[in-house]
């Protein structure tokens, strides 16, 4: 499990007329309870940001495996971390009884419910 919060300074060049800084959040998770640790870290970050959505601090949010799902919840669906945590826990309960595909399916259905509401 890894969470990378990185800032990259892009120098002025032929491709970029001005120098700038890019903030990237990378969430690298495998399907496990360790994902809940990553969520707790992001919840603390959200507290430090005075409750603003985590995505507002980053230009790019990306992830691998279940970290990719978490990135989608944060960046595309703009879900608060508490909601992400609940969805992740429900997905884990599904995974324990069957397999990783069921975890992904459970999260996908919950995201569809979020979109329709």
PDB file of N, CA and C in Angstrom:
ATOM      1  N   UNK A   1       0.850  -1.163   0.000  1.00  0.00           N
ATOM      2  CA  UNK A   1       0.000   0.000   0.000  1.00  0.00           C
ATOM      3  C   UNK A   1       0.897   1.226   0.000  1.00  0.00           C
ATOM      4  N   UNK A   2       0.644   2.114  -0.897  1.00  0.00           N
ATOM      5  CA  UNK A   2       1.421   3.346  -0.970  1.00  0.00           C
ATOM      6  C   UNK A   2       0.517   4.499  -1.384  1.00  0.00           C
ATOM      7  N   UNK A   3       0.772   5.642  -0.786  1.00  0.00           N
ATOM      8  CA  UNK A   3       0.137   6.882  -1.209  1.00  0.00           C
ATOM      9  C   UNK A   3       1.270   7.869  -1.465  1.00  0.00           C
ATOM     10  N   UNK A   4       1.293   8.427  -2.644  1.00  0.00           N
ATOM     11  CA  UNK A   4       2.315   9.408  -2.984  1.00  0.00           C
ATOM     12  C   UNK A   4       1.639  10.758  -3.208  1.00  0.00           C
ATOM     13  N   UNK A   5       2.109  11.744  -2.495  1.00  0.00           N
ATOM     14  CA  UNK A   5       1.681  13.117  -2.699  1.00  0.00           C
ATOM     15  C   UNK A   5       2.903  13.829  -3.259  1.00  0.00           C
ATOM     16  N   UNK A   6       2.853  14.185  -4.510  1.00  0.00           N
ATOM     17  CA  UNK A   6       4.056  14.755  -5.102  1.00  0.00           C
ATOM     18  C   UNK A   6       3.786  16.087  -5.794  1.00  0.00           C
ATOM     19  N   UNK A   7       4.790  16.915  -5.745  1.00  0.00           N
ATOM     20  CA  UNK A   7       4.774  18.190  -6.460  1.00  0.00           C
ATOM     21  C   UNK A   7       5.900  18.154  -7.475  1.00  0.00           C
ATOM     22  N   UNK A   8       5.603  18.482  -8.676  1.00  0.00           N
ATOM     23  CA  UNK A   8       6.605  18.477  -9.739  1.00  0.00           C
ATOM     24  C   UNK A   8       6.667  19.861 -10.350  1.00  0.00           C
ATOM     25  N   UNK A   9       7.858  20.437 -10.345  1.00  0.00           N
ATOM     26  CA  UNK A   9       8.052  21.749 -10.948  1.00  0.00           C
ATOM     27  C   UNK A   9       8.384  21.548 -12.421  1.00  0.00           C
ATOM     28  N   UNK A  10       7.583  22.112 -13.297  1.00  0.00           N
ATOM     29  CA  UNK A  10       7.791  22.021 -14.741  1.00  0.00           C
ATOM     30  C   UNK A  10       8.454  23.319 -15.192  1.00  0.00           C
ATOM     31  N   UNK A  11       9.631  23.193 -15.731  1.00  0.00           N
ATOM     32  CA  UNK A  11      10.387  24.366 -16.180  1.00  0.00           C
ATOM     33  C   UNK A  11       9.842  24.922 -17.496  1.00  0.00           C
ATOM     34  N   UNK A  12      10.046  26.186 -17.695  1.00  0.00           N
ATOM     35  CA  UNK A  12       9.694  26.826 -18.962  1.00  0.00           C
ATOM     36  C   UNK A  12      10.522  26.195 -20.074  1.00  0.00           C
ATOM     37  N   UNK A  13       9.886  25.916 -21.203  1.00  0.00           N
ATOM     38  CA  UNK A  13      10.598  25.302 -22.333  1.00  0.00           C
ATOM     39  C   UNK A  13       9.868  25.646 -23.627  1.00  0.00           C
ATOM     40  N   UNK A  14      10.302  25.018 -24.703  1.00  0.00           N
ATOM     41  CA  UNK A  14       9.600  25.205 -25.979  1.00  0.00           C
ATOM     42  C   UNK A  14       8.160  24.705 -25.895  1.00  0.00           C
ATOM     43  N   UNK A  15       7.938  23.679 -25.071  1.00  0.00           N
ATOM     44  CA  UNK A  15       6.599  23.096 -24.941  1.00  0.00           C
ATOM     45  C   UNK A  15       5.728  23.855 -23.946  1.00  0.00           C
ATOM     46  N   UNK A  16       6.366  24.428 -22.923  1.00  0.00           N
ATOM     47  CA  UNK A  16       5.620  25.119 -21.872  1.00  0.00           C
ATOM     48  C   UNK A  16       6.082  26.570 -21.799  1.00  0.00           C
ATOM     49  N   UNK A  17       5.217  27.514 -22.167  1.00  0.00           N
ATOM     50  CA  UNK A  17       5.641  28.922 -22.183  1.00  0.00           C
ATOM     51  C   UNK A  17       5.924  29.485 -20.789  1.00  0.00           C
ATOM     52  N   UNK A  18       5.374  28.851 -19.738  1.00  0.00           N
ATOM     53  CA  UNK A  18       5.592  29.315 -18.371  1.00  0.00           C
ATOM     54  C   UNK A  18       5.950  28.121 -17.501  1.00  0.00           C
ATOM     55  N   UNK A  19       6.725  28.348 -16.474  1.00  0.00           N
ATOM     56  CA  UNK A  19       6.992  27.270 -15.527  1.00  0.00           C
ATOM     57  C   UNK A  19       5.798  27.162 -14.577  1.00  0.00           C
ATOM     58  N   UNK A  20       5.573  25.979 -14.051  1.00  0.00           N
ATOM     59  CA  UNK A  20       4.446  25.768 -13.144  1.00  0.00           C
ATOM     60  C   UNK A  20       4.704  24.530 -12.295  1.00  0.00           C
ATOM     61  N   UNK A  21       3.855  24.346 -11.285  1.00  0.00           N
ATOM     62  CA  UNK A  21       3.955  23.194 -10.388  1.00  0.00           C
ATOM     63  C   UNK A  21       2.708  22.346 -10.564  1.00  0.00           C
ATOM     64  N   UNK A  22       2.907  21.031 -10.635  1.00  0.00           N
ATOM     65  CA  UNK A  22       1.807  20.085 -10.756  1.00  0.00           C
ATOM     66  C   UNK A  22       1.761  19.252  -9.478  1.00  0.00           C
ATOM     67  N   UNK A  23       0.578  19.144  -8.871  1.00  0.00           N
ATOM     68  CA  UNK A  23       0.388  18.319  -7.675  1.00  0.00           C
ATOM     69  C   UNK A  23      -0.311  17.026  -8.081  1.00  0.00           C
ATOM     70  N   UNK A  24       0.280  15.892  -7.697  1.00  0.00           N
ATOM     71  CA  UNK A  24      -0.247  14.584  -8.090  1.00  0.00           C
ATOM     72  C   UNK A  24      -0.489  13.739  -6.844  1.00  0.00           C
ATOM     73  N   UNK A  25      -1.661  13.104  -6.780  1.00  0.00           N
ATOM     74  CA  UNK A  25      -1.978  12.129  -5.741  1.00  0.00           C
ATOM     75  C   UNK A  25      -2.019  10.765  -6.416  1.00  0.00           C
ATOM     76  N   UNK A  26      -1.145   9.849  -5.989  1.00  0.00           N
ATOM     77  CA  UNK A  26      -1.116   8.484  -6.522  1.00  0.00           C
ATOM     78  C   UNK A  26      -1.464   7.524  -5.398  1.00  0.00           C
ATOM     79  N   UNK A  27      -2.458   6.676  -5.627  1.00  0.00           N
ATOM     80  CA  UNK A  27      -2.909   5.719  -4.620  1.00  0.00           C
ATOM     81  C   UNK A  27      -2.671   4.318  -5.170  1.00  0.00           C
ATOM     82  N   UNK A  28      -1.724   3.602  -4.583  1.00  0.00           N
ATOM     83  CA  UNK A  28      -1.380   2.268  -5.059  1.00  0.00           C
ATOM     84  C   UNK A  28      -1.819   1.258  -4.002  1.00  0.00           C
ATOM     85  N   UNK A  29      -2.903   0.556  -4.278  1.00  0.00           N
ATOM     86  CA  UNK A  29      -3.469  -0.381  -3.307  1.00  0.00           C
ATOM     87  C   UNK A  29      -3.741  -1.721  -3.951  1.00  0.00           C
ATOM     88  N   UNK A  30      -3.649  -2.752  -3.136  1.00  0.00           N
ATOM     89  CA  UNK A  30      -4.168  -4.045  -3.557  1.00  0.00           C
ATOM     90  C   UNK A  30      -5.436  -4.287  -2.737  1.00  0.00           C
ATOM     91  N   UNK A  31      -6.169  -5.271  -3.120  1.00  0.00           N
ATOM     92  CA  UNK A  31      -7.442  -5.561  -2.462  1.00  0.00           C
ATOM     93  C   UNK A  31      -7.184  -6.125  -1.070  1.00  0.00           C
ATOM     94  N   UNK A  32      -7.322  -5.294  -0.045  1.00  0.00           N
ATOM     95  CA  UNK A  32      -7.098  -5.749   1.326  1.00  0.00           C
ATOM     96  C   UNK A  32      -7.588  -4.685   2.298  1.00  0.00           C
ATOM     97  N   UNK A  33      -7.504  -5.033   3.573  1.00  0.00           N
ATOM     98  CA  UNK A  33      -7.859  -4.073   4.623  1.00  0.00           C
ATOM     99  C   UNK A  33      -6.900  -2.893   4.664  1.00  0.00           C
ATOM    100  N   UNK A  34      -5.715  -3.032   4.041  1.00  0.00           N
ATOM    101  CA  UNK A  34      -4.756  -1.921   4.039  1.00  0.00           C
ATOM    102  C   UNK A  34      -5.308  -0.707   3.293  1.00  0.00           C
ATOM    103  N   UNK A  35      -6.270  -0.943   2.421  1.00  0.00           N
ATOM    104  CA  UNK A  35      -6.930   0.168   1.744  1.00  0.00           C
ATOM    105  C   UNK A  35      -7.599   1.103   2.735  1.00  0.00           C
ATOM    106  N   UNK A  36      -8.064   0.538   3.857  1.00  0.00           N
ATOM    107  CA  UNK A  36      -8.690   1.369   4.890  1.00  0.00           C
ATOM    108  C   UNK A  36      -7.669   2.291   5.550  1.00  0.00           C
ATOM    109  N   UNK A  37      -6.419   1.863   5.608  1.00  0.00           N
ATOM    110  CA  UNK A  37      -5.354   2.723   6.146  1.00  0.00           C
ATOM    111  C   UNK A  37      -5.159   3.919   5.213  1.00  0.00           C
ATOM    112  N   UNK A  38      -5.133   3.652   3.913  1.00  0.00           N
ATOM    113  CA  UNK A  38      -4.996   4.741   2.939  1.00  0.00           C
ATOM    114  C   UNK A  38      -6.155   5.720   3.063  1.00  0.00           C
ATOM    115  N   UNK A  39      -7.343   5.192   3.251  1.00  0.00           N
ATOM    116  CA  UNK A  39      -8.524   6.054   3.403  1.00  0.00           C
ATOM    117  C   UNK A  39      -8.394   6.908   4.659  1.00  0.00           C
ATOM    118  N   UNK A  40      -7.886   6.331   5.753  1.00  0.00           N
ATOM    119  CA  UNK A  40      -7.700   7.101   6.986  1.00  0.00           C
ATOM    120  C   UNK A  40      -6.692   8.237   6.773  1.00  0.00           C
ATOM    121  N   UNK A  41      -5.630   7.953   6.026  1.00  0.00           N
ATOM    122  CA  UNK A  41      -4.631   8.991   5.719  1.00  0.00           C
ATOM    123  C   UNK A  41      -5.284  10.119   4.921  1.00  0.00           C
ATOM    124  N   UNK A  42      -6.091   9.765   3.937  1.00  0.00           N
ATOM    125  CA  UNK A  42      -6.757  10.778   3.118  1.00  0.00           C
ATOM    126  C   UNK A  42      -7.813  11.540   3.924  1.00  0.00           C
ATOM    127  N   UNK A  43      -8.448  10.871   4.893  1.00  0.00           N
ATOM    128  CA  UNK A  43      -9.402  11.566   5.770  1.00  0.00           C
ATOM    129  C   UNK A  43      -8.672  12.623   6.609  1.00  0.00           C
ATOM    130  N   UNK A  44      -7.481  12.279   7.086  1.00  0.00           N
ATOM    131  CA  UNK A  44      -6.690  13.249   7.850  1.00  0.00           C
ATOM    132  C   UNK A  44      -6.277  14.429   6.971  1.00  0.00           C
ATOM    133  N   UNK A  45      -5.905  14.123   5.726  1.00  0.00           N
ATOM    134  CA  UNK A  45      -5.571  15.195   4.787  1.00  0.00           C
ATOM    135  C   UNK A  45      -6.775  16.117   4.590  1.00  0.00           C
ATOM    136  N   UNK A  46      -7.970  15.515   4.462  1.00  0.00           N
ATOM    137  CA  UNK A  46      -9.184  16.311   4.286  1.00  0.00           C
ATOM    138  C   UNK A  46      -9.430  17.204   5.504  1.00  0.00           C
ATOM    139  N   UNK A  47      -9.143  16.703   6.714  1.00  0.00           N
ATOM    140  CA  UNK A  47      -9.282  17.523   7.918  1.00  0.00           C
ATOM    141  C   UNK A  47      -8.323  18.714   7.874  1.00  0.00           C
ATOM    142  N   UNK A  48      -7.079  18.456   7.452  1.00  0.00           N
ATOM    143  CA  UNK A  48      -6.095  19.536   7.350  1.00  0.00           C
ATOM    144  C   UNK A  48      -6.527  20.593   6.334  1.00  0.00           C
ATOM    145  N   UNK A  49      -7.328  20.165   5.367  1.00  0.00           N
ATOM    146  CA  UNK A  49      -7.810  21.082   4.324  1.00  0.00           C
ATOM    147  C   UNK A  49      -9.132  21.740   4.726  1.00  0.00           C
ATOM    148  N   UNK A  50      -9.444  21.709   6.016  1.00  0.00           N
ATOM    149  CA  UNK A  50     -10.659  22.333   6.547  1.00  0.00           C
ATOM    150  C   UNK A  50     -11.927  21.734   5.929  1.00  0.00           C
ATOM    151  N   UNK A  51     -11.906  20.428   5.655  1.00  0.00           N
ATOM    152  CA  UNK A  51     -13.091  19.748   5.151  1.00  0.00           C
ATOM    153  C   UNK A  51     -13.318  19.848   3.652  1.00  0.00           C
ATOM    154  N   UNK A  52     -12.446  20.544   2.944  1.00  0.00           N
ATOM    155  CA  UNK A  52     -12.599  20.641   1.484  1.00  0.00           C
ATOM    156  C   UNK A  52     -12.335  19.269   0.864  1.00  0.00           C
ATOM    157  N   UNK A  53     -12.899  18.997  -0.316  1.00  0.00           N
ATOM    158  CA  UNK A  53     -12.638  17.712  -0.963  1.00  0.00           C
ATOM    159  C   UNK A  53     -11.145  17.526  -1.247  1.00  0.00           C
ATOM    160  N   UNK A  54     -10.665  16.303  -1.078  1.00  0.00           N
ATOM    161  CA  UNK A  54      -9.250  15.983  -1.295  1.00  0.00           C
ATOM    162  C   UNK A  54      -8.817  16.353  -2.704  1.00  0.00           C
ATOM    163  N   UNK A  55      -9.682  16.146  -3.687  1.00  0.00           N
ATOM    164  CA  UNK A  55      -9.306  16.400  -5.081  1.00  0.00           C
ATOM    165  C   UNK A  55      -8.926  17.850  -5.337  1.00  0.00           C
ATOM    166  N   UNK A  56      -9.408  18.781  -4.507  1.00  0.00           N
ATOM    167  CA  UNK A  56      -9.093  20.195  -4.707  1.00  0.00           C
ATOM    168  C   UNK A  56      -7.618  20.520  -4.475  1.00  0.00           C
ATOM    169  N   UNK A  57      -6.906  19.628  -3.786  1.00  0.00           N
ATOM    170  CA  UNK A  57      -5.492  19.882  -3.512  1.00  0.00           C
ATOM    171  C   UNK A  57      -4.584  19.373  -4.627  1.00  0.00           C
ATOM    172  N   UNK A  58      -5.140  18.670  -5.615  1.00  0.00           N
ATOM    173  CA  UNK A  58      -4.315  18.012  -6.614  1.00  0.00           C
ATOM    174  C   UNK A  58      -4.778  18.329  -8.029  1.00  0.00           C
ATOM    175  N   UNK A  59      -3.800  18.405  -8.917  1.00  0.00           N
ATOM    176  CA  UNK A  59      -4.098  18.579 -10.334  1.00  0.00           C
ATOM    177  C   UNK A  59      -4.474  17.245 -10.965  1.00  0.00           C
ATOM    178  N   UNK A  60      -3.855  16.181 -10.483  1.00  0.00           N
ATOM    179  CA  UNK A  60      -4.109  14.837 -11.003  1.00  0.00           C
ATOM    180  C   UNK A  60      -4.283  13.872  -9.843  1.00  0.00           C
ATOM    181  N   UNK A  61      -5.256  12.967  -9.964  1.00  0.00           N
ATOM    182  CA  UNK A  61      -5.466  11.901  -8.996  1.00  0.00           C
ATOM    183  C   UNK A  61      -5.482  10.610  -9.790  1.00  0.00           C
ATOM    184  N   UNK A  62      -4.643   9.653  -9.392  1.00  0.00           N
ATOM    185  CA  UNK A  62      -4.588   8.380 -10.111  1.00  0.00           C
ATOM    186  C   UNK A  62      -4.402   7.247  -9.107  1.00  0.00           C
ATOM    187  N   UNK A  63      -4.619   6.032  -9.571  1.00  0.00           N
ATOM    188  CA  UNK A  63      -4.451   4.894  -8.690  1.00  0.00           C
ATOM    189  C   UNK A  63      -4.319   3.603  -9.451  1.00  0.00           C
ATOM    190  N   UNK A  64      -3.890   2.592  -8.726  1.00  0.00           N
ATOM    191  CA  UNK A  64      -3.722   1.255  -9.279  1.00  0.00           C
ATOM    192  C   UNK A  64      -4.545   0.288  -8.436  1.00  0.00           C
ATOM    193  N   UNK A  65      -5.205  -0.655  -9.089  1.00  0.00           N
ATOM    194  CA  UNK A  65      -6.027  -1.668  -8.450  1.00  0.00           C
ATOM    195  C   UNK A  65      -7.166  -0.969  -7.691  1.00  0.00           C
ATOM    196  N   UNK A  66      -7.377  -1.332  -6.437  1.00  0.00           N
ATOM    197  CA  UNK A  66      -8.470  -0.681  -5.711  1.00  0.00           C
ATOM    198  C   UNK A  66      -8.161   0.791  -5.448  1.00  0.00           C
ATOM    199  N   UNK A  67      -6.877   1.164  -5.532  1.00  0.00           N
ATOM    200  CA  UNK A  67      -6.516   2.580  -5.453  1.00  0.00           C
ATOM    201  C   UNK A  67      -7.085   3.354  -6.626  1.00  0.00           C
ATOM    202  N   UNK A  68      -7.210   2.689  -7.786  1.00  0.00           N
ATOM    203  CA  UNK A  68      -7.844   3.304  -8.952  1.00  0.00           C
ATOM    204  C   UNK A  68      -9.315   3.575  -8.694  1.00  0.00           C
ATOM    205  N   UNK A  69      -9.976   2.617  -8.034  1.00  0.00           N
ATOM    206  CA  UNK A  69     -11.387   2.831  -7.678  1.00  0.00           C
ATOM    207  C   UNK A  69     -11.520   4.000  -6.710  1.00  0.00           C
ATOM    208  N   UNK A  70     -10.621   4.053  -5.744  1.00  0.00           N
ATOM    209  CA  UNK A  70     -10.639   5.149  -4.785  1.00  0.00           C
ATOM    210  C   UNK A  70     -10.390   6.480  -5.488  1.00  0.00           C
ATOM    211  N   UNK A  71      -9.476   6.489  -6.458  1.00  0.00           N
ATOM    212  CA  UNK A  71      -9.207   7.707  -7.233  1.00  0.00           C
ATOM    213  C   UNK A  71     -10.455   8.154  -7.984  1.00  0.00           C
ATOM    214  N   UNK A  72     -11.196   7.199  -8.556  1.00  0.00           N
ATOM    215  CA  UNK A  72     -12.451   7.526  -9.262  1.00  0.00           C
ATOM    216  C   UNK A  72     -13.463   8.115  -8.286  1.00  0.00           C
ATOM    217  N   UNK A  73     -13.583   7.517  -7.110  1.00  0.00           N
ATOM    218  CA  UNK A  73     -14.534   8.018  -6.108  1.00  0.00           C
ATOM    219  C   UNK A  73     -14.194   9.444  -5.700  1.00  0.00           C
ATOM    220  N   UNK A  74     -12.886   9.718  -5.540  1.00  0.00           N
ATOM    221  CA  UNK A  74     -12.437  11.034  -5.078  1.00  0.00           C
ATOM    222  C   UNK A  74     -12.517  12.079  -6.187  1.00  0.00           C
ATOM    223  N   UNK A  75     -11.960  11.754  -7.350  1.00  0.00           N
ATOM    224  CA  UNK A  75     -11.771  12.762  -8.394  1.00  0.00           C
ATOM    225  C   UNK A  75     -12.962  12.927  -9.319  1.00  0.00           C
ATOM    226  N   UNK A  76     -13.622  11.840  -9.665  1.00  0.00           N
ATOM    227  CA  UNK A  76     -14.717  11.940 -10.630  1.00  0.00           C
ATOM    228  C   UNK A  76     -16.065  12.111  -9.942  1.00  0.00           C
ATOM    229  N   UNK A  77     -16.301  11.283  -8.923  1.00  0.00           N
ATOM    230  CA  UNK A  77     -17.604  11.348  -8.246  1.00  0.00           C
ATOM    231  C   UNK A  77     -17.615  12.335  -7.088  1.00  0.00           C
ATOM    232  N   UNK A  78     -16.451  12.890  -6.739  1.00  0.00           N
ATOM    233  CA  UNK A  78     -16.343  13.921  -5.704  1.00  0.00           C
ATOM    234  C   UNK A  78     -16.959  13.468  -4.381  1.00  0.00           C
ATOM    235  N   UNK A  79     -16.730  12.203  -4.026  1.00  0.00           N
ATOM    236  CA  UNK A  79     -17.294  11.674  -2.788  1.00  0.00           C
ATOM    237  C   UNK A  79     -16.443  12.077  -1.595  1.00  0.00           C
ATOM    238  N   UNK A  80     -17.089  12.402  -0.466  1.00  0.00           N
ATOM    239  CA  UNK A  80     -16.312  12.680   0.745  1.00  0.00           C
ATOM    240  C   UNK A  80     -15.646  11.384   1.222  1.00  0.00           C
ATOM    241  N   UNK A  81     -14.576  11.504   1.972  1.00  0.00           N
ATOM    242  CA  UNK A  81     -13.820  10.338   2.393  1.00  0.00           C
ATOM    243  C   UNK A  81     -14.643   9.384   3.256  1.00  0.00           C
ATOM    244  N   UNK A  82     -15.581   9.903   4.041  1.00  0.00           N
ATOM    245  CA  UNK A  82     -16.434   9.026   4.850  1.00  0.00           C
ATOM    246  C   UNK A  82     -17.247   8.090   3.966  1.00  0.00           C
ATOM    247  N   UNK A  83     -17.785   8.626   2.884  1.00  0.00           N
ATOM    248  CA  UNK A  83     -18.566   7.816   1.937  1.00  0.00           C
ATOM    249  C   UNK A  83     -17.663   6.799   1.232  1.00  0.00           C
ATOM    250  N   UNK A  84     -16.450   7.218   0.860  1.00  0.00           N
ATOM    251  CA  UNK A  84     -15.492   6.297   0.235  1.00  0.00           C
ATOM    252  C   UNK A  84     -15.184   5.133   1.177  1.00  0.00           C
ATOM    253  N   UNK A  85     -15.012   5.463   2.450  1.00  0.00           N
ATOM    254  CA  UNK A  85     -14.710   4.427   3.438  1.00  0.00           C
ATOM    255  C   UNK A  85     -15.854   3.417   3.551  1.00  0.00           C
ATOM    256  N   UNK A  86     -17.084   3.905   3.610  1.00  0.00           N
ATOM    257  CA  UNK A  86     -18.245   3.007   3.701  1.00  0.00           C
ATOM    258  C   UNK A  86     -18.332   2.103   2.481  1.00  0.00           C
ATOM    259  N   UNK A  87     -18.132   2.679   1.291  1.00  0.00           N
ATOM    260  CA  UNK A  87     -18.206   1.890   0.065  1.00  0.00           C
ATOM    261  C   UNK A  87     -17.095   0.853   0.025  1.00  0.00           C
ATOM    262  N   UNK A  88     -15.900   1.223   0.446  1.00  0.00           N
ATOM    263  CA  UNK A  88     -14.768   0.302   0.446  1.00  0.00           C
ATOM    264  C   UNK A  88     -15.036  -0.871   1.383  1.00  0.00           C
ATOM    265  N   UNK A  89     -15.584  -0.569   2.572  1.00  0.00           N
ATOM    266  CA  UNK A  89     -15.890  -1.629   3.546  1.00  0.00           C
ATOM    267  C   UNK A  89     -16.940  -2.592   2.994  1.00  0.00           C
ATOM    268  N   UNK A  90     -17.968  -2.070   2.338  1.00  0.00           N
ATOM    269  CA  UNK A  90     -18.988  -2.934   1.729  1.00  0.00           C
ATOM    270  C   UNK A  90     -18.351  -3.811   0.658  1.00  0.00           C
ATOM    271  N   UNK A  91     -17.480  -3.223  -0.146  1.00  0.00           N
ATOM    272  CA  UNK A  91     -16.784  -3.990  -1.175  1.00  0.00           C
ATOM    273  C   UNK A  91     -15.921  -5.084  -0.579  1.00  0.00           C
ATOM    274  N   UNK A  92     -15.232  -4.786   0.523  1.00  0.00           N
ATOM    275  CA  UNK A  92     -14.403  -5.798   1.184  1.00  0.00           C
ATOM    276  C   UNK A  92     -15.248  -6.944   1.716  1.00  0.00           C
ATOM    277  N   UNK A  93     -16.406  -6.632   2.255  1.00  0.00           N
ATOM    278  CA  UNK A  93     -17.282  -7.698   2.755  1.00  0.00           C
ATOM    279  C   UNK A  93     -17.698  -8.607   1.607  1.00  0.00           C
ATOM    280  N   UNK A  94     -17.973  -8.036   0.454  1.00  0.00           N
ATOM    281  CA  UNK A  94     -18.317  -8.840  -0.718  1.00  0.00           C
ATOM    282  C   UNK A  94     -17.125  -9.691  -1.136  1.00  0.00           C
ATOM    283  N   UNK A  95     -15.928  -9.115  -1.108  1.00  0.00           N
ATOM    284  CA  UNK A  95     -14.723  -9.820  -1.542  1.00  0.00           C
ATOM    285  C   UNK A  95     -14.426 -11.017  -0.658  1.00  0.00           C
ATOM    286  N   UNK A  96     -14.635 -10.881   0.636  1.00  0.00           N
ATOM    287  CA  UNK A  96     -14.320 -11.983   1.543  1.00  0.00           C
ATOM    288  C   UNK A  96     -15.158 -13.216   1.249  1.00  0.00           C
ATOM    289  N   UNK A  97     -16.369 -13.004   0.783  1.00  0.00           N
ATOM    290  CA  UNK A  97     -17.248 -14.148   0.562  1.00  0.00           C
ATOM    291  C   UNK A  97     -17.066 -14.768  -0.817  1.00  0.00           C
ATOM    292  N   UNK A  98     -16.535 -14.029  -1.770  1.00  0.00           N
ATOM    293  CA  UNK A  98     -16.363 -14.592  -3.114  1.00  0.00           C
ATOM    294  C   UNK A  98     -14.978 -14.286  -3.677  1.00  0.00           C
ATOM    295  N   UNK A  99     -14.845 -13.246  -4.487  1.00  0.00           N
ATOM    296  CA  UNK A  99     -13.563 -12.950  -5.126  1.00  0.00           C
ATOM    297  C   UNK A  99     -13.436 -11.460  -5.431  1.00  0.00           C
ATOM    298  N   UNK A 100     -12.305 -11.084  -6.017  1.00  0.00           N
ATOM    299  CA  UNK A 100     -12.038  -9.672  -6.317  1.00  0.00           C
ATOM    300  C   UNK A 100     -13.039  -9.106  -7.318  1.00  0.00           C
ATOM    301  N   UNK A 101     -13.503  -9.927  -8.248  1.00  0.00           N
ATOM    302  CA  UNK A 101     -14.471  -9.450  -9.229  1.00  0.00           C
ATOM    303  C   UNK A 101     -15.742  -8.959  -8.539  1.00  0.00           C
ATOM    304  N   UNK A 102     -16.172  -9.670  -7.502  1.00  0.00           N
ATOM    305  CA  UNK A 102     -17.370  -9.262  -6.756  1.00  0.00           C
ATOM    306  C   UNK A 102     -17.145  -7.938  -6.051  1.00  0.00           C
ATOM    307  N   UNK A 103     -15.903  -7.713  -5.553  1.00  0.00           N
ATOM    308  CA  UNK A 103     -15.562  -6.430  -4.934  1.00  0.00           C
ATOM    309  C   UNK A 103     -15.765  -5.298  -5.942  1.00  0.00           C
ATOM    310  N   UNK A 104     -15.199  -5.452  -7.122  1.00  0.00           N
ATOM    311  CA  UNK A 104     -15.322  -4.425  -8.159  1.00  0.00           C
ATOM    312  C   UNK A 104     -16.777  -4.217  -8.553  1.00  0.00           C
ATOM    313  N   UNK A 105     -17.511  -5.307  -8.656  1.00  0.00           N
ATOM    314  CA  UNK A 105     -18.928  -5.227  -9.024  1.00  0.00           C
ATOM    315  C   UNK A 105     -19.728  -4.470  -7.955  1.00  0.00           C
ATOM    316  N   UNK A 106     -19.439  -4.740  -6.679  1.00  0.00           N
ATOM    317  CA  UNK A 106     -20.149  -4.063  -5.587  1.00  0.00           C
ATOM    318  C   UNK A 106     -19.878  -2.561  -5.619  1.00  0.00           C
ATOM    319  N   UNK A 107     -18.615  -2.186  -5.814  1.00  0.00           N
ATOM    320  CA  UNK A 107     -18.262  -0.761  -5.878  1.00  0.00           C
ATOM    321  C   UNK A 107     -18.926  -0.107  -7.087  1.00  0.00           C
ATOM    322  N   UNK A 108     -18.908  -0.798  -8.222  1.00  0.00           N
ATOM    323  CA  UNK A 108     -19.514  -0.243  -9.442  1.00  0.00           C
ATOM    324  C   UNK A 108     -21.005   0.023  -9.249  1.00  0.00           C
ATOM    325  N   UNK A 109     -21.702  -0.893  -8.598  1.00  0.00           N
ATOM    326  CA  UNK A 109     -23.131  -0.686  -8.346  1.00  0.00           C
ATOM    327  C   UNK A 109     -23.367   0.491  -7.405  1.00  0.00           C
ATOM    328  N   UNK A 110     -22.508   0.630  -6.396  1.00  0.00           N
ATOM    329  CA  UNK A 110     -22.663   1.751  -5.473  1.00  0.00           C
ATOM    330  C   UNK A 110     -22.386   3.074  -6.175  1.00  0.00           C
ATOM    331  N   UNK A 111     -21.403   3.106  -7.062  1.00  0.00           N
ATOM    332  CA  UNK A 111     -21.116   4.321  -7.820  1.00  0.00           C
ATOM    333  C   UNK A 111     -22.273   4.663  -8.751  1.00  0.00           C
ATOM    334  N   UNK A 112     -22.906   3.657  -9.330  1.00  0.00           N
ATOM    335  CA  UNK A 112     -24.073   3.895 -10.187  1.00  0.00           C
ATOM    336  C   UNK A 112     -25.199   4.504  -9.368  1.00  0.00           C
ATOM    337  N   UNK A 113     -25.367   4.039  -8.127  1.00  0.00           N
ATOM    338  CA  UNK A 113     -26.396   4.609  -7.255  1.00  0.00           C
ATOM    339  C   UNK A 113     -26.087   6.072  -6.931  1.00  0.00           C
ATOM    340  N   UNK A 114     -24.809   6.389  -6.742  1.00  0.00           N
ATOM    341  CA  UNK A 114     -24.402   7.768  -6.450  1.00  0.00           C
ATOM    342  C   UNK A 114     -24.726   8.661  -7.638  1.00  0.00           C
ATOM    343  N   UNK A 115     -24.422   8.189  -8.852  1.00  0.00           N
ATOM    344  CA  UNK A 115     -24.677   8.978 -10.074  1.00  0.00           C
ATOM    345  C   UNK A 115     -26.154   9.260 -10.259  1.00  0.00           C
ATOM    346  N   UNK A 116     -26.993   8.265  -9.942  1.00  0.00           N
ATOM    347  CA  UNK A 116     -28.423   8.433 -10.195  1.00  0.00           C
ATOM    348  C   UNK A 116     -29.119   9.275  -9.137  1.00  0.00           C
ATOM    349  N   UNK A 117     -28.444   9.497  -8.002  1.00  0.00           N
ATOM    350  CA  UNK A 117     -29.093  10.320  -6.956  1.00  0.00           C
ATOM    351  C   UNK A 117     -28.714  11.760  -7.033  1.00  0.00           C
TER     352      UNK A 117
END
